[in-house]
Structure formats: structure tokens, C-alpha cells
Amino acid sequence: MDPNWNDNQPIYRQLRDRVVEMILEGVLGDGDALPSVRNVAAEYRLNPLTVLKGYQELVDEELVEKRRGRGMYVREGAKRNLLKDERQLFLQQQWPAVVATIGRLGLDLEELLAQATAQLEKDGEESE
């Protein structure tokens, strides 16, 4: 997790978003334990209640489950559910602006697709 917090949104929300990113990137997988509230609070100099609030949002969203006396764990299917939600959010909020820019610039769709495919292949090779 990145210890640099910004003033744009509450820290507990930023913490929640960072855990979501870790799940989406595969850093945390189904059944993996989240770092303890105490450890995160100590490492990033946060109030434990702030960490707990961020984690509770993940529980409320059914991405993480509490195991009494053992901690918090990524729920089965969390990444799949996040990807579904993130894809829908992208298509509703960001894609219309992308399409408008493509039209405004008169970009060729086949050329864009070829460039996107090449970039995805390159990114895949770099992550291996």
C-alpha cells in the first residue's frame, strides 16, 4: 500500500480503494488475509478506527469477511465481482467520453484496435 494520503477524500476511503486495487491486481487473492488493523495503523501512522472503518466498508460490500478472532479475509469471488462492477462503471462513466473524443478527433477504429491490442500484448510481456 502506498503511504501517501491525499486530501481529496477521507483516508479510510483511500485505504479501502487501495485494498480494492490490491485485489484487482492479484496482490490479494481469494482467502488471503488482509494486514491486521494494528499493523496498518502502526505502519502508516493512522488511527486504528480509521483503518477499521476502511475495512468495514469492504465487509459491507461483501468483498472481505471477518473471521472472529482471526482477522479479515478476501471473500471467494471478490475479484470477479469487482471486475464486473468496475467494467460496468467504466462503460457508464468513462466510455462515453472516450467515444466522444474518438469521434471528435476522427480516429480510425481499426487503427485504434490494432494499437490497443499491441499495447496489451506488450504490457502482458512486461508483467511476466
N, C-alpha and C. Protein backbone atom coordinates (compact mmCIF):
# COMPACT_ATOMS: atom_id res chain seq x y z
N MET A 1 0.84 -1.19 0.00
CA MET A 1 0.00 0.00 0.00
C MET A 1 0.88 1.25 0.00
N ASP A 2 0.38 2.23 -0.69
CA ASP A 2 1.10 3.50 -0.80
C ASP A 2 0.79 4.36 0.43
N PRO A 3 1.80 4.80 1.17
CA PRO A 3 1.54 5.58 2.38
C PRO A 3 1.23 7.04 2.13
N ASN A 4 1.15 7.47 0.89
CA ASN A 4 0.88 8.88 0.59
C ASN A 4 -0.62 9.12 0.49
N TRP A 5 -1.17 9.78 1.48
CA TRP A 5 -2.60 10.06 1.51
C TRP A 5 -2.84 11.44 0.91
N ASN A 6 -3.97 11.62 0.27
CA ASN A 6 -4.28 12.95 -0.28
C ASN A 6 -5.49 13.54 0.44
N ASP A 7 -5.75 14.79 0.19
CA ASP A 7 -6.85 15.50 0.86
C ASP A 7 -8.15 15.45 0.08
N ASN A 8 -8.18 14.70 -1.03
CA ASN A 8 -9.36 14.68 -1.88
C ASN A 8 -10.51 13.86 -1.31
N GLN A 9 -10.20 12.88 -0.48
CA GLN A 9 -11.23 12.06 0.13
C GLN A 9 -10.72 11.53 1.47
N PRO A 10 -11.62 11.05 2.31
CA PRO A 10 -11.20 10.57 3.63
C PRO A 10 -10.19 9.43 3.52
N ILE A 11 -9.30 9.35 4.50
CA ILE A 11 -8.25 8.33 4.49
C ILE A 11 -8.84 6.93 4.51
N TYR A 12 -9.92 6.72 5.28
CA TYR A 12 -10.50 5.38 5.32
C TYR A 12 -10.97 4.94 3.93
N ARG A 13 -11.45 5.89 3.14
CA ARG A 13 -11.91 5.57 1.78
C ARG A 13 -10.71 5.27 0.87
N GLN A 14 -9.63 6.03 1.04
CA GLN A 14 -8.41 5.77 0.27
C GLN A 14 -7.84 4.39 0.61
N LEU A 15 -7.88 4.05 1.89
CA LEU A 15 -7.42 2.74 2.32
C LEU A 15 -8.28 1.65 1.68
N ARG A 16 -9.58 1.82 1.70
CA ARG A 16 -10.49 0.87 1.05
C ARG A 16 -10.15 0.73 -0.43
N ASP A 17 -9.93 1.85 -1.11
CA ASP A 17 -9.62 1.82 -2.54
C ASP A 17 -8.30 1.11 -2.81
N ARG A 18 -7.34 1.25 -1.92
CA ARG A 18 -6.04 0.58 -2.11
C ARG A 18 -6.17 -0.92 -1.94
N VAL A 19 -6.99 -1.36 -1.01
CA VAL A 19 -7.22 -2.80 -0.87
C VAL A 19 -7.93 -3.33 -2.11
N VAL A 20 -8.89 -2.58 -2.62
CA VAL A 20 -9.58 -2.98 -3.86
C VAL A 20 -8.57 -3.12 -5.00
N GLU A 21 -7.66 -2.15 -5.14
CA GLU A 21 -6.62 -2.23 -6.17
C GLU A 21 -5.77 -3.48 -5.99
N MET A 22 -5.43 -3.80 -4.75
CA MET A 22 -4.62 -4.98 -4.48
C MET A 22 -5.35 -6.26 -4.89
N ILE A 23 -6.65 -6.28 -4.69
CA ILE A 23 -7.44 -7.44 -5.10
C ILE A 23 -7.49 -7.52 -6.62
N LEU A 24 -7.76 -6.39 -7.28
CA LEU A 24 -7.85 -6.37 -8.74
C LEU A 24 -6.52 -6.74 -9.40
N GLU A 25 -5.41 -6.33 -8.79
CA GLU A 25 -4.08 -6.62 -9.35
C GLU A 25 -3.57 -8.01 -8.98
N GLY A 26 -4.32 -8.71 -8.15
CA GLY A 26 -3.91 -10.06 -7.77
C GLY A 26 -2.92 -10.13 -6.62
N VAL A 27 -2.63 -9.00 -6.00
CA VAL A 27 -1.74 -8.99 -4.84
C VAL A 27 -2.42 -9.73 -3.69
N LEU A 28 -3.73 -9.51 -3.57
CA LEU A 28 -4.55 -10.25 -2.60
C LEU A 28 -5.53 -11.11 -3.37
N GLY A 29 -5.56 -12.40 -3.06
CA GLY A 29 -6.47 -13.32 -3.73
C GLY A 29 -7.52 -13.86 -2.79
N ASP A 30 -8.44 -14.64 -3.34
CA ASP A 30 -9.49 -15.25 -2.55
C ASP A 30 -8.90 -15.99 -1.35
N GLY A 31 -9.41 -15.71 -0.18
CA GLY A 31 -8.97 -16.38 1.03
C GLY A 31 -7.75 -15.78 1.70
N ASP A 32 -7.11 -14.80 1.06
CA ASP A 32 -5.92 -14.18 1.66
C ASP A 32 -6.33 -13.26 2.81
N ALA A 33 -5.49 -13.23 3.82
CA ALA A 33 -5.72 -12.35 4.97
C ALA A 33 -5.30 -10.93 4.64
N LEU A 34 -6.08 -9.97 5.08
CA LEU A 34 -5.68 -8.58 4.99
C LEU A 34 -4.70 -8.30 6.13
N PRO A 35 -3.81 -7.35 5.94
CA PRO A 35 -2.93 -6.96 7.04
C PRO A 35 -3.80 -6.55 8.24
N SER A 36 -3.35 -6.85 9.43
CA SER A 36 -4.16 -6.54 10.62
C SER A 36 -4.36 -5.04 10.77
N VAL A 37 -5.45 -4.69 11.41
CA VAL A 37 -5.75 -3.28 11.68
C VAL A 37 -4.60 -2.64 12.45
N ARG A 38 -4.09 -3.34 13.45
CA ARG A 38 -2.98 -2.80 14.24
C ARG A 38 -1.74 -2.55 13.40
N ASN A 39 -1.40 -3.53 12.55
CA ASN A 39 -0.20 -3.37 11.72
C ASN A 39 -0.33 -2.20 10.75
N VAL A 40 -1.47 -2.09 10.09
CA VAL A 40 -1.68 -0.99 9.14
C VAL A 40 -1.64 0.34 9.88
N ALA A 41 -2.33 0.41 11.02
CA ALA A 41 -2.35 1.65 11.79
C ALA A 41 -0.94 2.06 12.22
N ALA A 42 -0.15 1.10 12.69
CA ALA A 42 1.20 1.40 13.13
C ALA A 42 2.10 1.77 11.96
N GLU A 43 2.03 1.00 10.89
CA GLU A 43 2.92 1.23 9.75
C GLU A 43 2.67 2.57 9.08
N TYR A 44 1.40 2.96 8.97
CA TYR A 44 1.08 4.20 8.26
C TYR A 44 0.68 5.35 9.18
N ARG A 45 0.88 5.12 10.49
CA ARG A 45 0.60 6.14 11.49
C ARG A 45 -0.84 6.64 11.39
N LEU A 46 -1.76 5.70 11.39
CA LEU A 46 -3.18 6.01 11.30
C LEU A 46 -3.86 5.61 12.60
N ASN A 47 -4.98 6.23 12.86
CA ASN A 47 -5.80 5.83 13.97
C ASN A 47 -6.39 4.45 13.63
N PRO A 48 -6.32 3.48 14.54
CA PRO A 48 -6.89 2.17 14.25
C PRO A 48 -8.37 2.22 13.85
N LEU A 49 -9.11 3.20 14.37
CA LEU A 49 -10.52 3.33 14.00
C LEU A 49 -10.68 3.72 12.52
N THR A 50 -9.72 4.49 12.01
CA THR A 50 -9.73 4.85 10.59
C THR A 50 -9.53 3.61 9.73
N VAL A 51 -8.57 2.77 10.11
CA VAL A 51 -8.31 1.53 9.38
C VAL A 51 -9.52 0.62 9.46
N LEU A 52 -10.08 0.50 10.64
CA LEU A 52 -11.24 -0.35 10.83
C LEU A 52 -12.43 0.11 9.98
N LYS A 53 -12.60 1.41 9.87
CA LYS A 53 -13.70 1.95 9.06
C LYS A 53 -13.50 1.61 7.58
N GLY A 54 -12.26 1.72 7.10
CA GLY A 54 -11.97 1.34 5.72
C GLY A 54 -12.23 -0.14 5.48
N TYR A 55 -11.78 -0.96 6.41
CA TYR A 55 -12.01 -2.41 6.31
C TYR A 55 -13.50 -2.73 6.39
N GLN A 56 -14.22 -2.01 7.24
CA GLN A 56 -15.66 -2.27 7.39
C GLN A 56 -16.40 -1.99 6.08
N GLU A 57 -15.96 -1.00 5.33
CA GLU A 57 -16.58 -0.74 4.03
C GLU A 57 -16.43 -1.96 3.12
N LEU A 58 -15.26 -2.59 3.18
CA LEU A 58 -15.02 -3.79 2.37
C LEU A 58 -15.92 -4.94 2.82
N VAL A 59 -16.14 -5.04 4.12
CA VAL A 59 -17.06 -6.06 4.65
C VAL A 59 -18.48 -5.76 4.18
N ASP A 60 -18.88 -4.50 4.27
CA ASP A 60 -20.23 -4.10 3.85
C ASP A 60 -20.46 -4.37 2.37
N GLU A 61 -19.41 -4.26 1.58
CA GLU A 61 -19.51 -4.51 0.14
C GLU A 61 -19.36 -5.99 -0.19
N GLU A 62 -19.21 -6.81 0.84
CA GLU A 62 -19.07 -8.26 0.71
C GLU A 62 -17.84 -8.68 -0.09
N LEU A 63 -16.78 -7.88 0.02
CA LEU A 63 -15.50 -8.21 -0.60
C LEU A 63 -14.58 -8.91 0.39
N VAL A 64 -14.81 -8.64 1.66
CA VAL A 64 -13.97 -9.16 2.74
C VAL A 64 -14.90 -9.73 3.80
N GLU A 65 -14.42 -10.76 4.48
CA GLU A 65 -15.20 -11.31 5.58
C GLU A 65 -14.39 -11.29 6.86
N LYS A 66 -15.10 -11.05 7.97
CA LYS A 66 -14.46 -11.08 9.28
C LYS A 66 -14.51 -12.51 9.78
N ARG A 67 -13.40 -12.96 10.32
CA ARG A 67 -13.36 -14.26 11.00
C ARG A 67 -13.00 -13.98 12.45
N ARG A 68 -13.97 -14.18 13.29
CA ARG A 68 -13.84 -13.83 14.70
C ARG A 68 -12.53 -14.34 15.29
N GLY A 69 -11.75 -13.41 15.82
CA GLY A 69 -10.50 -13.75 16.48
C GLY A 69 -9.36 -14.07 15.54
N ARG A 70 -9.61 -14.06 14.21
CA ARG A 70 -8.56 -14.42 13.26
C ARG A 70 -8.24 -13.32 12.26
N GLY A 71 -9.12 -12.35 12.10
CA GLY A 71 -8.84 -11.26 11.19
C GLY A 71 -9.84 -11.16 10.05
N MET A 72 -9.42 -10.49 9.00
CA MET A 72 -10.26 -10.27 7.83
C MET A 72 -9.62 -10.91 6.62
N TYR A 73 -10.46 -11.50 5.78
CA TYR A 73 -10.00 -12.28 4.64
C TYR A 73 -10.78 -11.90 3.39
N VAL A 74 -10.11 -11.97 2.25
CA VAL A 74 -10.75 -11.69 0.97
C VAL A 74 -11.76 -12.81 0.70
N ARG A 75 -12.96 -12.42 0.37
CA ARG A 75 -14.02 -13.40 0.11
C ARG A 75 -13.82 -14.08 -1.24
N GLU A 76 -14.31 -15.27 -1.32
CA GLU A 76 -14.31 -16.03 -2.57
C GLU A 76 -15.07 -15.24 -3.64
N GLY A 77 -14.46 -15.03 -4.80
CA GLY A 77 -15.10 -14.33 -5.90
C GLY A 77 -15.02 -12.81 -5.83
N ALA A 78 -14.26 -12.27 -4.88
CA ALA A 78 -14.19 -10.82 -4.73
C ALA A 78 -13.66 -10.15 -6.00
N LYS A 79 -12.59 -10.70 -6.58
CA LYS A 79 -12.01 -10.09 -7.78
C LYS A 79 -13.00 -10.14 -8.93
N ARG A 80 -13.66 -11.27 -9.10
CA ARG A 80 -14.65 -11.41 -10.18
C ARG A 80 -15.76 -10.36 -10.02
N ASN A 81 -16.26 -10.20 -8.80
CA ASN A 81 -17.32 -9.22 -8.56
C ASN A 81 -16.83 -7.79 -8.78
N LEU A 82 -15.60 -7.51 -8.33
CA LEU A 82 -15.04 -6.17 -8.55
C LEU A 82 -14.87 -5.87 -10.03
N LEU A 83 -14.35 -6.84 -10.77
CA LEU A 83 -14.16 -6.64 -12.21
C LEU A 83 -15.49 -6.35 -12.90
N LYS A 84 -16.51 -7.08 -12.52
CA LYS A 84 -17.84 -6.86 -13.10
C LYS A 84 -18.31 -5.44 -12.82
N ASP A 85 -18.19 -5.02 -11.56
CA ASP A 85 -18.62 -3.67 -11.18
C ASP A 85 -17.77 -2.59 -11.84
N GLU A 86 -16.44 -2.79 -11.86
CA GLU A 86 -15.54 -1.81 -12.46
C GLU A 86 -15.78 -1.67 -13.96
N ARG A 87 -16.02 -2.80 -14.63
CA ARG A 87 -16.31 -2.76 -16.07
C ARG A 87 -17.58 -1.97 -16.34
N GLN A 88 -18.62 -2.23 -15.54
CA GLN A 88 -19.89 -1.52 -15.71
C GLN A 88 -19.71 -0.03 -15.46
N LEU A 89 -18.97 0.31 -14.42
CA LEU A 89 -18.71 1.71 -14.10
C LEU A 89 -17.95 2.39 -15.24
N PHE A 90 -16.95 1.70 -15.79
CA PHE A 90 -16.19 2.25 -16.91
C PHE A 90 -17.11 2.51 -18.10
N LEU A 91 -17.93 1.53 -18.43
CA LEU A 91 -18.81 1.69 -19.60
C LEU A 91 -19.83 2.80 -19.41
N GLN A 92 -20.26 3.03 -18.18
CA GLN A 92 -21.25 4.07 -17.93
C GLN A 92 -20.64 5.46 -17.78
N GLN A 93 -19.47 5.54 -17.15
CA GLN A 93 -18.93 6.86 -16.81
C GLN A 93 -17.80 7.33 -17.70
N GLN A 94 -16.89 6.43 -18.08
CA GLN A 94 -15.72 6.87 -18.83
C GLN A 94 -15.84 6.62 -20.33
N TRP A 95 -16.44 5.52 -20.72
CA TRP A 95 -16.51 5.16 -22.13
C TRP A 95 -17.20 6.21 -22.99
N PRO A 96 -18.31 6.82 -22.57
CA PRO A 96 -18.93 7.85 -23.41
C PRO A 96 -17.97 9.00 -23.76
N ALA A 97 -17.13 9.40 -22.81
CA ALA A 97 -16.16 10.46 -23.09
C ALA A 97 -15.10 9.98 -24.07
N VAL A 98 -14.68 8.72 -23.95
CA VAL A 98 -13.69 8.16 -24.87
C VAL A 98 -14.27 8.13 -26.29
N VAL A 99 -15.51 7.67 -26.41
CA VAL A 99 -16.16 7.59 -27.72
C VAL A 99 -16.30 8.99 -28.32
N ALA A 100 -16.66 9.96 -27.50
CA ALA A 100 -16.79 11.34 -27.98
C ALA A 100 -15.45 11.87 -28.49
N THR A 101 -14.36 11.56 -27.78
CA THR A 101 -13.03 12.00 -28.20
C THR A 101 -12.64 11.33 -29.51
N ILE A 102 -12.92 10.05 -29.63
CA ILE A 102 -12.62 9.33 -30.88
C ILE A 102 -13.34 9.99 -32.04
N GLY A 103 -14.61 10.30 -31.85
CA GLY A 103 -15.38 10.95 -32.91
C GLY A 103 -14.88 12.34 -33.23
N ARG A 104 -14.57 13.10 -32.18
CA ARG A 104 -14.11 14.49 -32.36
C ARG A 104 -12.79 14.54 -33.12
N LEU A 105 -11.91 13.55 -32.85
CA LEU A 105 -10.60 13.53 -33.50
C LEU A 105 -10.61 12.77 -34.83
N GLY A 106 -11.73 12.15 -35.14
CA GLY A 106 -11.83 11.40 -36.40
C GLY A 106 -10.87 10.23 -36.46
N LEU A 107 -10.67 9.56 -35.34
CA LEU A 107 -9.74 8.43 -35.28
C LEU A 107 -10.34 7.20 -35.95
N ASP A 108 -9.48 6.42 -36.57
CA ASP A 108 -9.89 5.19 -37.24
C ASP A 108 -10.00 4.06 -36.21
N LEU A 109 -11.16 3.43 -36.13
CA LEU A 109 -11.39 2.40 -35.12
C LEU A 109 -10.49 1.18 -35.30
N GLU A 110 -10.24 0.78 -36.53
CA GLU A 110 -9.37 -0.38 -36.76
C GLU A 110 -7.94 -0.09 -36.31
N GLU A 111 -7.46 1.12 -36.58
CA GLU A 111 -6.12 1.51 -36.15
C GLU A 111 -6.04 1.56 -34.62
N LEU A 112 -7.08 2.11 -34.00
CA LEU A 112 -7.11 2.15 -32.53
C LEU A 112 -7.10 0.75 -31.93
N LEU A 113 -7.88 -0.14 -32.53
CA LEU A 113 -7.94 -1.52 -32.03
C LEU A 113 -6.58 -2.19 -32.18
N ALA A 114 -5.91 -1.98 -33.30
CA ALA A 114 -4.58 -2.56 -33.51
C ALA A 114 -3.58 -2.03 -32.49
N GLN A 115 -3.63 -0.73 -32.22
CA GLN A 115 -2.72 -0.14 -31.24
C GLN A 115 -3.03 -0.63 -29.83
N ALA A 116 -4.31 -0.74 -29.51
CA ALA A 116 -4.69 -1.23 -28.18
C ALA A 116 -4.24 -2.68 -28.00
N THR A 117 -4.42 -3.50 -29.02
CA THR A 117 -4.01 -4.90 -28.95
C THR A 117 -2.50 -5.01 -28.75
N ALA A 118 -1.74 -4.22 -29.52
CA ALA A 118 -0.28 -4.23 -29.39
C ALA A 118 0.15 -3.80 -28.00
N GLN A 119 -0.49 -2.77 -27.45
CA GLN A 119 -0.14 -2.29 -26.11
C GLN A 119 -0.46 -3.34 -25.05
N LEU A 120 -1.60 -3.99 -25.17
CA LEU A 120 -1.97 -5.02 -24.21
C LEU A 120 -1.01 -6.21 -24.25
N GLU A 121 -0.59 -6.56 -25.45
CA GLU A 121 0.40 -7.65 -25.59
C GLU A 121 1.72 -7.25 -24.97
N LYS A 122 2.14 -6.02 -25.22
CA LYS A 122 3.39 -5.53 -24.65
C LYS A 122 3.32 -5.50 -23.13
N ASP A 123 2.22 -5.00 -22.59
CA ASP A 123 2.03 -4.95 -21.13
C ASP A 123 2.03 -6.35 -20.54
N GLY A 124 1.45 -7.30 -21.25
CA GLY A 124 1.42 -8.69 -20.78
C GLY A 124 2.81 -9.29 -20.74
N GLU A 125 3.65 -8.98 -21.72
CA GLU A 125 5.02 -9.49 -21.76
C GLU A 125 5.85 -8.88 -20.63
N GLU A 126 5.63 -7.60 -20.33
CA GLU A 126 6.40 -6.92 -19.30
C GLU A 126 6.06 -7.42 -17.90
N SER A 127 4.83 -7.87 -17.71
CA SER A 127 4.44 -8.34 -16.37
C SER A 127 4.84 -9.77 -16.11
N GLU A 128 5.32 -10.47 -17.10
CA GLU A 128 5.72 -11.88 -16.90
C GLU A 128 7.10 -11.99 -16.31
